[in-house]
Amino acid sequence: MAELTTVARPYAEAVFRSAVDANDVAGFGAKLKSLGAIAANPQMASLVGNPNVSAAEKANLMSSVAGDNVPVALANAVLLLIGNGKASLLPFITEHFERLQRERDGVVKATITSAFPMSDADKAGMLDALAKKYGKRVEAVVIVDESLIGGARVQVGDDVVHASVRDTLNKMAQALVQ
């Protein structure tokens, strides 16, 4: 999967530059997300792999399924991907595009794994602390994992804060073994 993400990156950056040039990052993002979901559909993947259907017909079908107002630059990118046999990259392109959009908008994505459900006040407090730490607005997904015993684990990009009872017990066990 790392290879697919690496191959998808230049395409995502090109589509993002087109979106910025068109002053329609949100619109491109929404249509790209639709196109990524369409490309991930097994029936569409089968059609895209059919050599008896032209690349233009495949691209037109995908664009029509995505709905009206697919930007021309995005439709051309889809045609290019299909023509090069890389339509399966669309979900990865979408993912990287969204990351670029968050960076541009000053937003970081966090995953908070908590041992117990968090109250709205606890979540707001944690989001405020993360916003101060990173100097950006934080969008978070909260996951409950009772195996943490207590506390939480927070991941923002490559940064992981281990503040759970299970993580503390694991550190203590490692220290005792050494």
C-alpha atoms as a PDB file:
ATOM      1  CA  MET A   1       0.000   0.000   0.000  1.00  0.00           C
ATOM      2  CA  ALA A   2       2.913   2.345   0.637  1.00  0.00           C
ATOM      3  CA  GLU A   3       3.871   1.970  -3.025  1.00  0.00           C
ATOM      4  CA  LEU A   4       0.376   2.943  -4.192  1.00  0.00           C
ATOM      5  CA  THR A   5       0.423   5.993  -1.940  1.00  0.00           C
ATOM      6  CA  THR A   6       3.819   6.980  -3.329  1.00  0.00           C
ATOM      7  CA  VAL A   7       2.653   6.575  -6.936  1.00  0.00           C
ATOM      8  CA  ALA A   8      -0.581   8.474  -6.191  1.00  0.00           C
ATOM      9  CA  ARG A   9       1.170  11.469  -4.596  1.00  0.00           C
ATOM     10  CA  PRO A  10       2.212  13.329  -7.787  1.00  0.00           C
ATOM     11  CA  TYR A  11      -1.260  12.903  -9.269  1.00  0.00           C
ATOM     12  CA  ALA A  12      -2.853  14.240  -6.082  1.00  0.00           C
ATOM     13  CA  GLU A  13      -0.485  17.200  -6.042  1.00  0.00           C
ATOM     14  CA  ALA A  14      -1.277  18.006  -9.675  1.00  0.00           C
ATOM     15  CA  VAL A  15      -5.036  17.814  -9.047  1.00  0.00           C
ATOM     16  CA  PHE A  16      -4.594  19.944  -5.920  1.00  0.00           C
ATOM     17  CA  ARG A  17      -2.662  22.610  -7.875  1.00  0.00           C
ATOM     18  CA  SER A  18      -5.473  22.629 -10.456  1.00  0.00           C
ATOM     19  CA  ALA A  19      -8.030  23.026  -7.666  1.00  0.00           C
ATOM     20  CA  VAL A  20      -6.104  25.925  -6.147  1.00  0.00           C
ATOM     21  CA  ASP A  21      -5.717  27.554  -9.581  1.00  0.00           C
ATOM     22  CA  ALA A  22      -9.478  27.193 -10.131  1.00  0.00           C
ATOM     23  CA  ASN A  23     -10.111  28.556  -6.610  1.00  0.00           C
ATOM     24  CA  ASP A  24     -12.323  25.518  -5.931  1.00  0.00           C
ATOM     25  CA  VAL A  25     -10.448  23.205  -3.566  1.00  0.00           C
ATOM     26  CA  ALA A  26     -13.628  22.152  -1.763  1.00  0.00           C
ATOM     27  CA  GLY A  27     -15.469  21.398  -5.015  1.00  0.00           C
ATOM     28  CA  PHE A  28     -12.568  19.398  -6.434  1.00  0.00           C
ATOM     29  CA  GLY A  29     -12.248  17.541  -3.132  1.00  0.00           C
ATOM     30  CA  ALA A  30     -15.906  16.559  -3.064  1.00  0.00           C
ATOM     31  CA  LYS A  31     -15.908  15.318  -6.668  1.00  0.00           C
ATOM     32  CA  LEU A  32     -12.579  13.545  -6.201  1.00  0.00           C
ATOM     33  CA  LYS A  33     -13.978  11.749  -3.156  1.00  0.00           C
ATOM     34  CA  SER A  34     -16.960  10.589  -5.230  1.00  0.00           C
ATOM     35  CA  LEU A  35     -14.702   9.455  -8.061  1.00  0.00           C
ATOM     36  CA  GLY A  36     -12.461   7.579  -5.600  1.00  0.00           C
ATOM     37  CA  ALA A  37     -15.462   5.714  -4.210  1.00  0.00           C
ATOM     38  CA  ILE A  38     -16.678   4.936  -7.722  1.00  0.00           C
ATOM     39  CA  ALA A  39     -13.256   3.618  -8.752  1.00  0.00           C
ATOM     40  CA  ALA A  40     -13.166   1.391  -5.651  1.00  0.00           C
ATOM     41  CA  ASN A  41     -16.483  -0.229  -6.634  1.00  0.00           C
ATOM     42  CA  PRO A  42     -15.824  -3.795  -7.900  1.00  0.00           C
ATOM     43  CA  GLN A  43     -18.245  -3.443 -10.835  1.00  0.00           C
ATOM     44  CA  MET A  44     -16.592  -0.212 -11.963  1.00  0.00           C
ATOM     45  CA  ALA A  45     -13.141  -1.760 -11.537  1.00  0.00           C
ATOM     46  CA  SER A  46     -14.260  -4.605 -13.778  1.00  0.00           C
ATOM     47  CA  LEU A  47     -15.500  -2.163 -16.412  1.00  0.00           C
ATOM     48  CA  VAL A  48     -12.318  -0.087 -16.199  1.00  0.00           C
ATOM     49  CA  GLY A  49     -10.316  -3.262 -16.818  1.00  0.00           C
ATOM     50  CA  ASN A  50     -12.342  -4.159 -19.916  1.00  0.00           C
ATOM     51  CA  PRO A  51     -10.198  -3.643 -23.032  1.00  0.00           C
ATOM     52  CA  ASN A  52     -13.293  -3.474 -25.275  1.00  0.00           C
ATOM     53  CA  VAL A  53     -14.375  -0.137 -23.755  1.00  0.00           C
ATOM     54  CA  SER A  54     -12.370   2.962 -24.662  1.00  0.00           C
ATOM     55  CA  ALA A  55     -10.681   5.065 -21.988  1.00  0.00           C
ATOM     56  CA  ALA A  56     -12.865   8.040 -22.956  1.00  0.00           C
ATOM     57  CA  GLU A  57     -16.058   5.986 -22.496  1.00  0.00           C
ATOM     58  CA  LYS A  58     -14.848   4.744 -19.108  1.00  0.00           C
ATOM     59  CA  ALA A  59     -13.942   8.271 -17.979  1.00  0.00           C
ATOM     60  CA  ASN A  60     -17.262   9.670 -19.203  1.00  0.00           C
ATOM     61  CA  LEU A  61     -19.148   6.947 -17.343  1.00  0.00           C
ATOM     62  CA  MET A  62     -17.251   7.607 -14.120  1.00  0.00           C
ATOM     63  CA  SER A  63     -17.838  11.344 -14.439  1.00  0.00           C
ATOM     64  CA  SER A  64     -21.546  10.861 -15.130  1.00  0.00           C
ATOM     65  CA  VAL A  65     -21.908   8.576 -12.102  1.00  0.00           C
ATOM     66  CA  ALA A  66     -20.152  11.235  -9.985  1.00  0.00           C
ATOM     67  CA  GLY A  67     -22.813  13.726 -11.024  1.00  0.00           C
ATOM     68  CA  ASP A  68     -22.858  17.129 -12.627  1.00  0.00           C
ATOM     69  CA  ASN A  69     -20.117  19.705 -12.472  1.00  0.00           C
ATOM     70  CA  VAL A  70     -17.003  17.531 -12.525  1.00  0.00           C
ATOM     71  CA  PRO A  71     -14.298  20.126 -13.150  1.00  0.00           C
ATOM     72  CA  VAL A  72     -12.628  19.768 -16.555  1.00  0.00           C
ATOM     73  CA  ALA A  73      -9.162  19.427 -15.010  1.00  0.00           C
ATOM     74  CA  LEU A  74     -10.410  16.603 -12.785  1.00  0.00           C
ATOM     75  CA  ALA A  75     -12.189  14.865 -15.675  1.00  0.00           C
ATOM     76  CA  ASN A  76      -8.944  15.087 -17.675  1.00  0.00           C
ATOM     77  CA  ALA A  77      -7.000  13.597 -14.755  1.00  0.00           C
ATOM     78  CA  VAL A  78      -9.446  10.685 -14.586  1.00  0.00           C
ATOM     79  CA  LEU A  79      -9.083  10.132 -18.333  1.00  0.00           C
ATOM     80  CA  LEU A  80      -5.283  10.159 -17.957  1.00  0.00           C
ATOM     81  CA  LEU A  81      -5.397   7.678 -15.079  1.00  0.00           C
ATOM     82  CA  ILE A  82      -7.721   5.329 -16.953  1.00  0.00           C
ATOM     83  CA  GLY A  83      -5.637   5.601 -20.110  1.00  0.00           C
ATOM     84  CA  ASN A  84      -2.512   4.685 -18.126  1.00  0.00           C
ATOM     85  CA  GLY A  85      -4.210   1.798 -16.326  1.00  0.00           C
ATOM     86  CA  LYS A  86      -4.035   3.607 -12.979  1.00  0.00           C
ATOM     87  CA  ALA A  87      -7.702   4.242 -12.137  1.00  0.00           C
ATOM     88  CA  SER A  88      -7.238   2.105  -9.014  1.00  0.00           C
ATOM     89  CA  LEU A  89      -5.097   4.944  -7.626  1.00  0.00           C
ATOM     90  CA  LEU A  90      -8.118   7.274  -7.288  1.00  0.00           C
ATOM     91  CA  PRO A  91      -8.858   6.363  -3.642  1.00  0.00           C
ATOM     92  CA  PHE A  92      -5.192   6.991  -2.740  1.00  0.00           C
ATOM     93  CA  ILE A  93      -5.168  10.236  -4.710  1.00  0.00           C
ATOM     94  CA  THR A  94      -8.276  11.291  -2.788  1.00  0.00           C
ATOM     95  CA  GLU A  95      -6.591  10.506   0.529  1.00  0.00           C
ATOM     96  CA  HIS A  96      -3.490  12.547  -0.331  1.00  0.00           C
ATOM     97  CA  PHE A  97      -5.604  15.396  -1.752  1.00  0.00           C
ATOM     98  CA  GLU A  98      -7.502  15.574   1.555  1.00  0.00           C
ATOM     99  CA  ARG A  99      -4.197  15.685   3.449  1.00  0.00           C
ATOM    100  CA  LEU A 100      -3.021  18.582   1.262  1.00  0.00           C
ATOM    101  CA  GLN A 101      -6.338  20.346   1.812  1.00  0.00           C
ATOM    102  CA  ARG A 102      -6.030  19.977   5.598  1.00  0.00           C
ATOM    103  CA  GLU A 103      -2.464  21.347   5.489  1.00  0.00           C
ATOM    104  CA  ARG A 104      -3.612  24.320   3.430  1.00  0.00           C
ATOM    105  CA  ASP A 105      -6.492  24.989   5.819  1.00  0.00           C
ATOM    106  CA  GLY A 106      -4.296  24.642   8.928  1.00  0.00           C
ATOM    107  CA  VAL A 107      -5.984  21.489  10.182  1.00  0.00           C
ATOM    108  CA  VAL A 108      -4.421  18.346  11.635  1.00  0.00           C
ATOM    109  CA  LYS A 109      -6.168  15.019  11.963  1.00  0.00           C
ATOM    110  CA  ALA A 110      -5.986  13.182  15.282  1.00  0.00           C
ATOM    111  CA  THR A 111      -7.046   9.753  16.451  1.00  0.00           C
ATOM    112  CA  ILE A 112      -7.875   9.568  20.136  1.00  0.00           C
ATOM    113  CA  THR A 113      -8.151   6.049  21.506  1.00  0.00           C
ATOM    114  CA  SER A 114      -9.718   6.110  24.956  1.00  0.00           C
ATOM    115  CA  ALA A 115     -10.368   3.342  27.452  1.00  0.00           C
ATOM    116  CA  PHE A 116     -13.839   4.780  28.095  1.00  0.00           C
ATOM    117  CA  PRO A 117     -16.304   6.919  26.146  1.00  0.00           C
ATOM    118  CA  MET A 118     -15.288  10.593  26.403  1.00  0.00           C
ATOM    119  CA  SER A 119     -17.680  13.313  27.451  1.00  0.00           C
ATOM    120  CA  ASP A 120     -18.053  16.296  25.159  1.00  0.00           C
ATOM    121  CA  ALA A 121     -16.210  18.433  27.729  1.00  0.00           C
ATOM    122  CA  ASP A 122     -13.273  15.990  27.913  1.00  0.00           C
ATOM    123  CA  LYS A 123     -13.056  15.820  24.144  1.00  0.00           C
ATOM    124  CA  ALA A 124     -13.197  19.615  23.827  1.00  0.00           C
ATOM    125  CA  GLY A 125     -10.453  19.981  26.434  1.00  0.00           C
ATOM    126  CA  MET A 126      -8.240  17.496  24.634  1.00  0.00           C
ATOM    127  CA  LEU A 127      -8.856  19.181  21.278  1.00  0.00           C
ATOM    128  CA  ASP A 128      -7.959  22.567  22.790  1.00  0.00           C
ATOM    129  CA  ALA A 129      -4.716  21.168  24.222  1.00  0.00           C
ATOM    130  CA  LEU A 130      -3.826  19.562  20.878  1.00  0.00           C
ATOM    131  CA  ALA A 131      -4.650  22.783  19.006  1.00  0.00           C
ATOM    132  CA  LYS A 132      -2.272  24.702  21.290  1.00  0.00           C
ATOM    133  CA  LYS A 133       0.460  22.088  20.885  1.00  0.00           C
ATOM    134  CA  TYR A 134       0.283  21.955  17.083  1.00  0.00           C
ATOM    135  CA  GLY A 135      -0.829  25.525  16.435  1.00  0.00           C
ATOM    136  CA  LYS A 136      -3.589  24.256  14.152  1.00  0.00           C
ATOM    137  CA  ARG A 137      -7.248  23.344  14.318  1.00  0.00           C
ATOM    138  CA  VAL A 138      -7.672  19.665  15.204  1.00  0.00           C
ATOM    139  CA  GLU A 139     -10.194  17.251  13.711  1.00  0.00           C
ATOM    140  CA  ALA A 140     -10.415  14.126  15.812  1.00  0.00           C
ATOM    141  CA  VAL A 141     -11.866  10.670  15.637  1.00  0.00           C
ATOM    142  CA  VAL A 142     -12.476   9.061  19.027  1.00  0.00           C
ATOM    143  CA  ILE A 143     -12.226   5.302  19.354  1.00  0.00           C
ATOM    144  CA  VAL A 144     -13.036   3.363  22.522  1.00  0.00           C
ATOM    145  CA  ASP A 145     -10.665   0.498  23.324  1.00  0.00           C
ATOM    146  CA  GLU A 146     -11.334  -1.004  26.752  1.00  0.00           C
ATOM    147  CA  SER A 147      -8.089  -2.976  26.585  1.00  0.00           C
ATOM    148  CA  LEU A 148      -6.242   0.271  27.406  1.00  0.00           C
ATOM    149  CA  ILE A 149      -7.612  -0.199  30.962  1.00  0.00           C
ATOM    150  CA  GLY A 150      -7.591   3.567  31.597  1.00  0.00           C
ATOM    151  CA  GLY A 151      -6.357   6.798  30.039  1.00  0.00           C
ATOM    152  CA  ALA A 152      -5.921   7.371  26.327  1.00  0.00           C
ATOM    153  CA  ARG A 153      -3.564   7.199  23.372  1.00  0.00           C
ATOM    154  CA  VAL A 154      -3.453  10.135  20.950  1.00  0.00           C
ATOM    155  CA  GLN A 155      -2.014  10.010  17.444  1.00  0.00           C
ATOM    156  CA  VAL A 156      -1.460  13.078  15.286  1.00  0.00           C
ATOM    157  CA  GLY A 157       0.425  12.182  12.128  1.00  0.00           C
ATOM    158  CA  ASP A 158       3.542  10.303  13.238  1.00  0.00           C
ATOM    159  CA  ASP A 159       3.350  11.637  16.812  1.00  0.00           C
ATOM    160  CA  VAL A 160       1.854   9.247  19.343  1.00  0.00           C
ATOM    161  CA  VAL A 161       1.244  10.141  22.969  1.00  0.00           C
ATOM    162  CA  HIS A 162       0.947   7.016  25.105  1.00  0.00           C
ATOM    163  CA  ALA A 163      -1.034   7.967  28.206  1.00  0.00           C
ATOM    164  CA  SER A 164      -2.938   4.778  28.904  1.00  0.00           C
ATOM    165  CA  VAL A 165      -2.627   2.410  31.840  1.00  0.00           C
ATOM    166  CA  ARG A 166      -1.765  -0.452  29.488  1.00  0.00           C
ATOM    167  CA  ASP A 167       1.060   1.560  27.889  1.00  0.00           C
ATOM    168  CA  THR A 168       2.409   2.463  31.345  1.00  0.00           C
ATOM    169  CA  LEU A 169       2.287  -1.174  32.473  1.00  0.00           C
ATOM    170  CA  ASN A 170       4.106  -2.246  29.294  1.00  0.00           C
ATOM    171  CA  LYS A 171       6.862   0.336  29.948  1.00  0.00           C
ATOM    172  CA  MET A 172       7.189  -0.881  33.532  1.00  0.00           C
ATOM    173  CA  ALA A 173       7.428  -4.499  32.381  1.00  0.00           C
ATOM    174  CA  GLN A 174      10.161  -3.593  29.888  1.00  0.00           C
ATOM    175  CA  ALA A 175      12.080  -1.707  32.565  1.00  0.00           C
ATOM    176  CA  LEU A 176      11.920  -4.697  34.914  1.00  0.00           C
ATOM    177  CA  VAL A 177      13.217  -7.080  32.240  1.00  0.00           C
ATOM    178  CA  GLN A 178      16.257  -4.915  31.480  1.00  0.00           C
END
